[in-house]
Protein backbone atom coordinates (compact mmCIF):
# COMPACT_ATOMS: atom_id res chain seq x y z
CA UNK A 1 106.21 82.98 114.94
CA UNK A 2 103.43 83.33 112.39
CA UNK A 3 103.69 86.17 109.76
CA UNK A 4 100.98 88.81 110.17
CA UNK A 5 99.87 88.24 113.80
CA UNK A 6 100.27 91.29 116.05
CA UNK A 7 102.03 90.68 119.26
CA UNK A 8 102.49 93.98 120.86
CA UNK A 9 102.10 97.64 120.72
CA UNK A 10 98.87 99.55 121.09
CA UNK A 11 95.57 97.95 120.81
CA UNK A 12 93.26 98.53 117.95
CA UNK A 13 91.33 101.73 118.42
CA UNK A 14 93.84 103.08 121.22
CA UNK A 15 94.71 106.80 120.53
CA UNK A 16 98.12 107.60 120.06
CA UNK A 17 99.15 109.70 123.14
CA UNK A 18 102.04 111.45 121.40
CA UNK A 19 99.80 112.72 118.57
CA UNK A 20 96.93 113.81 121.02
CA UNK A 21 99.74 115.93 123.06
CA UNK A 22 101.25 117.18 119.90
CA UNK A 23 97.80 118.25 118.44
CA UNK A 24 96.91 119.96 121.85
CA UNK A 25 100.29 121.89 122.02
CA UNK A 26 100.02 123.00 118.28
CA UNK A 27 96.33 124.09 118.95
CA UNK A 28 97.38 126.28 121.92
CA UNK A 29 100.18 127.64 119.74
CA UNK A 30 97.65 128.54 116.94
CA UNK A 31 95.11 130.23 119.18
CA UNK A 32 98.01 132.47 120.74
CA UNK A 33 98.96 133.39 117.34
CA UNK A 34 95.57 134.26 116.11
CA UNK A 35 95.00 136.24 119.50
CA UNK A 36 98.32 138.22 118.51
CA UNK A 37 97.36 138.68 114.91
CA UNK A 38 95.78 142.16 115.25
CA UNK A 39 98.80 143.70 116.99
CA UNK A 40 101.25 142.18 114.46
CA UNK A 41 99.14 143.35 111.53
CA UNK A 42 99.15 146.91 112.80
CA UNK A 43 102.93 146.85 112.84
CA UNK A 44 103.41 145.72 109.36
CA UNK A 45 103.94 148.18 106.56
CA UNK A 46 100.74 148.70 104.57
CA UNK A 47 102.23 146.77 101.56
CA UNK A 48 103.16 143.78 103.58
CA UNK A 49 99.98 143.86 105.39
CA UNK A 50 98.11 143.65 102.11
CA UNK A 51 100.40 140.88 100.96
CA UNK A 52 99.74 138.89 104.04
CA UNK A 53 95.90 139.33 103.87
CA UNK A 54 95.93 138.44 100.17
CA UNK A 55 97.69 135.14 101.04
CA UNK A 56 95.21 134.24 103.89
CA UNK A 57 92.08 135.28 101.91
CA UNK A 58 91.70 131.72 100.16
CA UNK A 59 91.60 130.06 103.62
CA UNK A 60 88.64 132.37 104.73
CA UNK A 61 86.64 133.08 101.41
CA UNK A 62 86.14 130.45 98.65
CA UNK A 63 87.51 131.13 95.18
CA UNK A 64 84.68 132.26 92.81
CA UNK A 65 85.08 130.51 89.34
CA UNK A 66 84.53 132.53 86.17
CA UNK A 67 81.34 132.20 84.48
CA UNK A 68 81.20 132.57 80.68
CA UNK A 69 77.61 133.81 79.60
CA UNK A 70 76.03 131.56 77.20
CA UNK A 71 78.44 128.76 77.37
CA UNK A 72 76.28 125.68 77.92
CA UNK A 73 73.43 127.61 79.08
CA UNK A 74 69.78 126.78 78.04
CA UNK A 75 69.55 130.43 76.40
CA UNK A 76 72.76 129.60 74.38
CA UNK A 77 71.33 130.38 70.91
CA UNK A 78 73.10 131.49 67.77
CA UNK A 79 71.59 134.96 66.94
CA UNK A 80 73.69 135.37 63.87
């Protein structure tokens, strides 16, 4: 048998059935968890609720970078 010649298995471009089914199942679980999230948040202690929301925040809002005024800006002049 020649090396590097494909002789069996899925054809090129054929989706993997297991991966497709796994993604569908995980997607359903995620949707169910999101639907239950408000009730679960209400049951948490305020401290725990804030901690959880703080951990989830980066997935909703992008981080803002600090800007140092005058650093590399066109109006960066030495006033001394």
